[in-house]
Amino acid sequence: MDKLNQEEATTLGRFIGDLLNLAHWLFTIAVSNGLLWLASLLPILSGPVISILLKLALWACIILGGFIIAGNILAYYYVLGCERNNLDRFIKQAKKESGK
């Protein structure tokens, strides 16, 4: 049973690591988005290229935010399923030991 718990913990750790990597990229894109917005305020730099880059950065933030939210929901249900499986295994083991 400890080996199974270790595998579950390893899987969850990798998943959380991936979510943190997505959060890092979301932060990077949000900072670049702010810099692009500041650059678009200057009359010299305001143009179609900055406008397109700003829209792409905004969409990237929205999409990455959606991935992070969906990942958090999946991680929650993964932990809930692992907890339920462990509880069921414990109940079966306790019934087996008590002789019922």
Protein backbone atom coordinates (compact mmCIF):
# COMPACT_ATOMS: atom_id res chain seq x y z
CA MET A 1 0.00 0.00 0.00
CA ASP A 2 2.90 2.35 0.64
CA LYS A 3 4.16 1.81 -2.92
CA LEU A 4 0.74 2.79 -4.29
CA ASN A 5 0.70 5.92 -2.13
CA GLN A 6 4.20 6.78 -3.36
CA GLU A 7 3.08 6.47 -6.99
CA GLU A 8 0.08 8.69 -6.32
CA ALA A 9 2.27 11.28 -4.62
CA THR A 10 4.78 11.19 -7.48
CA THR A 11 2.03 11.64 -10.07
CA LEU A 12 0.50 14.51 -8.15
CA GLY A 13 3.92 16.13 -7.68
CA ARG A 14 4.61 16.02 -11.41
CA PHE A 15 1.18 17.44 -12.15
CA ILE A 16 1.65 20.30 -9.70
CA GLY A 17 5.09 20.95 -11.19
CA ASP A 18 3.49 21.27 -14.62
CA LEU A 19 0.90 23.67 -13.21
CA LEU A 20 3.66 25.80 -11.66
CA ASN A 21 5.45 25.87 -15.01
CA LEU A 22 2.24 27.12 -16.65
CA ALA A 23 1.91 29.75 -13.92
CA HIS A 24 5.47 30.88 -14.63
CA TRP A 25 4.65 31.34 -18.31
CA LEU A 26 1.42 33.13 -17.43
CA PHE A 27 3.37 35.59 -15.27
CA THR A 28 5.95 36.11 -18.04
CA ILE A 29 3.25 36.78 -20.62
CA ALA A 30 1.38 39.10 -18.23
CA VAL A 31 4.55 41.17 -17.70
CA SER A 32 5.24 41.34 -21.43
CA ASN A 33 1.59 42.25 -21.94
CA GLY A 34 1.99 45.19 -19.55
CA LEU A 35 5.14 46.31 -21.33
CA LEU A 36 3.39 46.10 -24.70
CA TRP A 37 0.51 48.14 -23.31
CA LEU A 38 2.93 50.80 -22.07
CA ALA A 39 4.66 50.80 -25.45
CA SER A 40 1.32 51.25 -27.20
CA LEU A 41 0.75 54.48 -25.24
CA LEU A 42 3.70 56.14 -26.94
CA PRO A 43 2.76 57.71 -30.28
CA ILE A 44 6.03 56.62 -31.88
CA LEU A 45 5.57 52.94 -30.98
CA SER A 46 1.82 52.64 -31.42
CA GLY A 47 1.17 50.75 -34.59
CA PRO A 48 -0.44 47.64 -36.00
CA VAL A 49 2.41 45.34 -34.92
CA ILE A 50 2.16 46.35 -31.27
CA SER A 51 -1.62 46.06 -31.44
CA ILE A 52 -1.46 42.53 -32.85
CA LEU A 53 1.17 41.47 -30.29
CA LEU A 54 -0.95 42.93 -27.50
CA LYS A 55 -4.01 40.97 -28.63
CA LEU A 56 -2.00 37.76 -28.94
CA ALA A 57 -0.54 38.25 -25.46
CA LEU A 58 -4.01 38.83 -24.02
CA TRP A 59 -5.34 35.66 -25.62
CA ALA A 60 -2.31 33.73 -24.40
CA CYS A 61 -3.03 34.93 -20.83
CA ILE A 62 -6.66 33.87 -21.11
CA ILE A 63 -5.81 30.44 -22.52
CA LEU A 64 -3.06 29.75 -19.98
CA GLY A 65 -5.35 30.88 -17.16
CA GLY A 66 -7.96 28.43 -18.41
CA PHE A 67 -5.39 25.62 -18.49
CA ILE A 68 -4.35 26.41 -14.92
CA ILE A 69 -7.96 26.44 -13.69
CA ALA A 70 -8.73 23.16 -15.48
CA GLY A 71 -5.53 21.63 -14.10
CA ASN A 72 -6.44 22.62 -10.56
CA ILE A 73 -9.87 21.04 -10.94
CA LEU A 74 -8.31 17.84 -12.30
CA ALA A 75 -5.80 17.75 -9.44
CA TYR A 76 -8.60 18.19 -6.91
CA TYR A 77 -10.57 15.28 -8.32
CA TYR A 78 -7.42 13.16 -8.59
CA VAL A 79 -6.70 13.68 -4.89
CA LEU A 80 -10.36 13.04 -4.05
CA GLY A 81 -10.29 9.77 -6.03
CA CYS A 82 -7.03 8.66 -4.39
CA GLU A 83 -8.46 9.41 -0.95
CA ARG A 84 -11.64 7.48 -1.72
CA ASN A 85 -9.65 4.49 -3.04
CA ASN A 86 -7.41 4.47 0.04
CA LEU A 87 -10.43 4.65 2.33
CA ASP A 88 -12.14 1.76 0.50
CA ARG A 89 -8.95 -0.31 0.72
CA PHE A 90 -8.65 0.42 4.45
CA ILE A 91 -12.29 -0.57 5.06
CA LYS A 92 -11.84 -3.84 3.13
CA GLN A 93 -8.66 -4.60 5.06
CA ALA A 94 -10.33 -3.83 8.41
CA LYS A 95 -13.31 -6.09 7.55
CA LYS A 96 -10.92 -8.85 6.47
CA GLU A 97 -8.94 -8.60 9.72
CA SER A 98 -12.05 -8.57 11.88
CA GLY A 99 -13.31 -11.71 10.17
CA LYS A 100 -16.50 -10.33 8.63
